[in-house]
Amino acid sequence: MTQEEYKIYIDDIVRRVESARLKVSDYHIVKIVAISKYSTSADIEKLYGIGQRAFGENKVQDLKAKSNELEELPLEWHFVGNLQKNKINNLLDINPALFHGLDSLDLAYELQKKLELKDMTLDTLLQINSAREDSKHGFMPEDASDAYAKIKKECPNINLKGVMSIGAHTQDRDIIKKSFKTTYEIYKSLNEATICSMGMSGDFELAIECGSNMIRLGSIMFNK
């Protein structure tokens, strides 16, 4: 695929995002984070050349390597993986724009300790297991609002910006929609939350129609 063909391809994805967001409102804004975990720095550079600026990685070591390799480009890096406590300092050294996966109070308290020691803050999303699946991380829906408030109160260096979730792992559109709606309703109930991150390559249009304002697109963005 030439760069021109690639741009036409990406423009089509952007049109799909536009179509979905307009079903919500003329004023509904959706941010695309390109998940580059299976892609090279050269792939990221190619997508950057088309206009993409926000990229996400799910492993701290990969985020560090790619952000170093591409440090001359004005990229916005997101960490979208499950964060192990022994990798917190490594992540904070990179200082990503947003951490998507705060999935337990234990992690919140450990993250707060490390942030305090470094005298820094971190923009973060609370992860909700809205599909109630054993394979997924995150707070159960009934616990999410209380956990959000608790972290806000007890972890001042964690700058909670909203919530994220992964759609139900099924082909049943109604079940996926229900999981997105669950997350969105929690998001709407939270004071000062501005980000509702839902939707991936296979379900982003449905996620947007359910209220998502940030989508995480991987394979679909890096078509070779």
Foldseek 3Di string as FASTA:
>chain_A
DDLVVLLVLVVVVVVLVVVLLVLVPPPQAAAEEEEQQVHDLVLVVSLVVSPHAHYEYADLVVQVVSCVVPVVDNHQYEHEHDDDLVCLVSNVVVQGQEYAEPFDVVSLVSNLVVCVVVVAAHEYAFEEALLPDPVDGHHHLVCVLVSVVVSVVPRVRYRYQFHEYEFDPDPDLVSRLNSLLSRVVSRVVDPNRDAYEYEEDPCNSSSSNSPHRYYYYYPSSRDD
